[in-house]
Amino acid sequence: MLFIGGNLFSQDQLFKKDNTKLDVKILEINPTEIKYKLFNDEDGPTITVLKSEVALIIYKNGMHEVITAPSETPVIKDQELKKNVKLEKWELQRKREADRIAEQKAEDSLANVLV
């Protein structure tokens, strides 16, 4: 008698965008990565792949999940951030100085009118 059970060889299936199909055990999905172990080596290392490299996961219970990576937000490096902050401070100081000069000119003009 031959019996093939649904749970006998159950595993998750991960389909990458490069058309690779892997039999895996999904361990964790976070906003940017998927962590899994190969089904035939569950004692082996945990493998991490970017969500942007994965197209689809079919779980052992038959559920399908189409993977969409979060929209990429620009990464501002520390140096760029410091540069932008310095530039903003410089622009603010420049504006304050220009306002001070304009105010001084207005006061001088008013003084000349009153004299």
Protein backbone atom coordinates (compact mmCIF):
# COMPACT_ATOMS: atom_id res chain seq x y z
CA MET A 1 0.00 0.00 0.00
CA LEU A 2 1.42 3.37 -1.01
CA PHE A 3 0.48 6.37 1.11
CA ILE A 4 1.59 9.87 0.28
CA GLY A 5 0.70 12.29 3.03
CA GLY A 6 0.55 16.04 2.63
CA ASN A 7 2.62 16.55 5.76
CA LEU A 8 5.10 13.76 5.03
CA PHE A 9 7.31 16.00 2.94
CA SER A 10 5.94 19.42 3.85
CA GLN A 11 8.18 22.40 3.42
CA ASP A 12 7.93 26.03 2.46
CA GLN A 13 8.94 26.99 -1.04
CA LEU A 14 10.79 30.23 -1.76
CA PHE A 15 10.84 31.53 -5.32
CA LYS A 16 13.51 34.10 -6.05
CA LYS A 17 13.25 36.72 -8.79
CA ASP A 18 16.09 35.00 -10.67
CA ASN A 19 13.69 31.99 -11.08
CA THR A 20 15.42 29.92 -8.39
CA LYS A 21 13.08 27.67 -6.39
CA LEU A 22 14.23 26.59 -2.93
CA ASP A 23 12.65 24.14 -0.50
CA VAL A 24 13.08 25.87 2.85
CA LYS A 25 11.77 26.42 6.33
CA ILE A 26 10.92 30.11 6.73
CA LEU A 27 12.10 31.36 10.13
CA GLU A 28 11.48 35.09 9.99
CA ILE A 29 10.23 37.79 7.66
CA ASN A 30 10.95 41.41 8.53
CA PRO A 31 10.43 44.57 6.44
CA THR A 32 13.64 44.09 4.44
CA GLU A 33 14.81 40.47 4.82
CA ILE A 34 13.68 36.86 4.90
CA LYS A 35 15.52 34.35 7.08
CA TYR A 36 15.28 30.64 6.37
CA LYS A 37 17.00 27.28 6.58
CA LEU A 38 17.28 24.88 3.69
CA PHE A 39 14.70 22.14 4.11
CA ASN A 40 17.23 19.36 3.59
CA ASP A 41 19.64 20.97 6.09
CA GLU A 42 17.55 22.36 8.95
CA ASP A 43 20.51 21.99 11.31
CA GLY A 44 22.59 24.08 8.93
CA PRO A 45 23.11 27.82 8.91
CA THR A 46 20.33 30.37 8.85
CA ILE A 47 20.33 32.08 5.47
CA THR A 48 19.23 35.68 5.03
CA VAL A 49 18.02 37.06 1.71
CA LEU A 50 16.76 40.54 0.87
CA LYS A 51 13.02 40.71 0.25
CA SER A 52 13.79 42.57 -2.96
CA GLU A 53 15.33 39.33 -4.29
CA VAL A 54 12.25 37.19 -3.54
CA ALA A 55 9.10 36.97 -5.66
CA LEU A 56 6.90 34.44 -3.85
CA ILE A 57 6.68 32.11 -0.86
CA ILE A 58 4.40 29.11 -0.81
CA TYR A 59 4.02 27.91 2.77
CA LYS A 60 3.66 24.25 3.69
CA ASN A 61 -0.03 24.83 4.47
CA GLY A 62 -0.58 25.94 0.86
CA MET A 63 -0.84 29.67 1.52
CA HIS A 64 0.88 31.91 -1.03
CA GLU A 65 2.57 35.21 -0.21
CA VAL A 66 3.69 37.51 -2.98
CA ILE A 67 6.69 39.40 -1.65
CA THR A 68 6.89 43.12 -2.13
CA ALA A 69 9.91 44.94 -0.80
CA PRO A 70 9.24 48.24 0.92
CA SER A 71 9.73 51.30 -1.22
CA GLU A 72 13.33 52.26 -1.03
CA THR A 73 13.98 55.39 0.94
CA PRO A 74 17.15 57.29 0.28
CA VAL A 75 19.84 56.58 2.80
CA ILE A 76 21.56 59.69 4.05
CA LYS A 77 25.06 58.98 5.21
CA ASP A 78 26.36 60.63 8.36
CA GLN A 79 28.73 62.87 6.41
CA GLU A 80 25.91 64.07 4.14
CA LEU A 81 23.68 64.71 7.14
CA LYS A 82 26.39 66.71 8.92
CA LYS A 83 27.03 68.67 5.73
CA ASN A 84 23.31 69.44 5.36
CA VAL A 85 23.02 70.52 9.01
CA LYS A 86 26.07 72.80 8.67
CA LEU A 87 24.61 74.29 5.48
CA GLU A 88 21.26 74.91 7.18
CA LYS A 89 23.00 76.60 10.15
CA TRP A 90 25.06 78.73 7.77
CA GLU A 91 21.94 79.73 5.79
CA LEU A 92 20.12 80.61 9.03
CA GLN A 93 23.05 82.75 10.21
CA ARG A 94 23.21 84.44 6.82
CA LYS A 95 19.48 85.20 6.92
CA ARG A 96 19.75 86.59 10.45
CA GLU A 97 22.67 88.80 9.38
CA ALA A 98 20.74 90.03 6.34
CA ASP A 99 17.71 90.79 8.55
CA ARG A 100 19.96 92.66 11.01
CA ILE A 101 21.49 94.73 8.20
CA ALA A 102 18.06 95.51 6.73
CA GLU A 103 16.79 96.54 10.17
CA GLN A 104 19.85 98.75 10.69
CA LYS A 105 19.32 100.40 7.28
CA ALA A 106 15.66 101.02 8.12
CA GLU A 107 16.63 102.61 11.43
CA ASP A 108 19.28 104.77 9.71
CA SER A 109 16.76 105.89 7.08
CA LEU A 110 14.23 106.78 9.77
CA ALA A 111 16.90 108.68 11.70
CA ASN A 112 17.82 110.69 8.58
CA VAL A 113 14.17 111.57 8.01
CA LEU A 114 13.73 112.76 11.59
CA VAL A 115 16.87 114.92 11.57
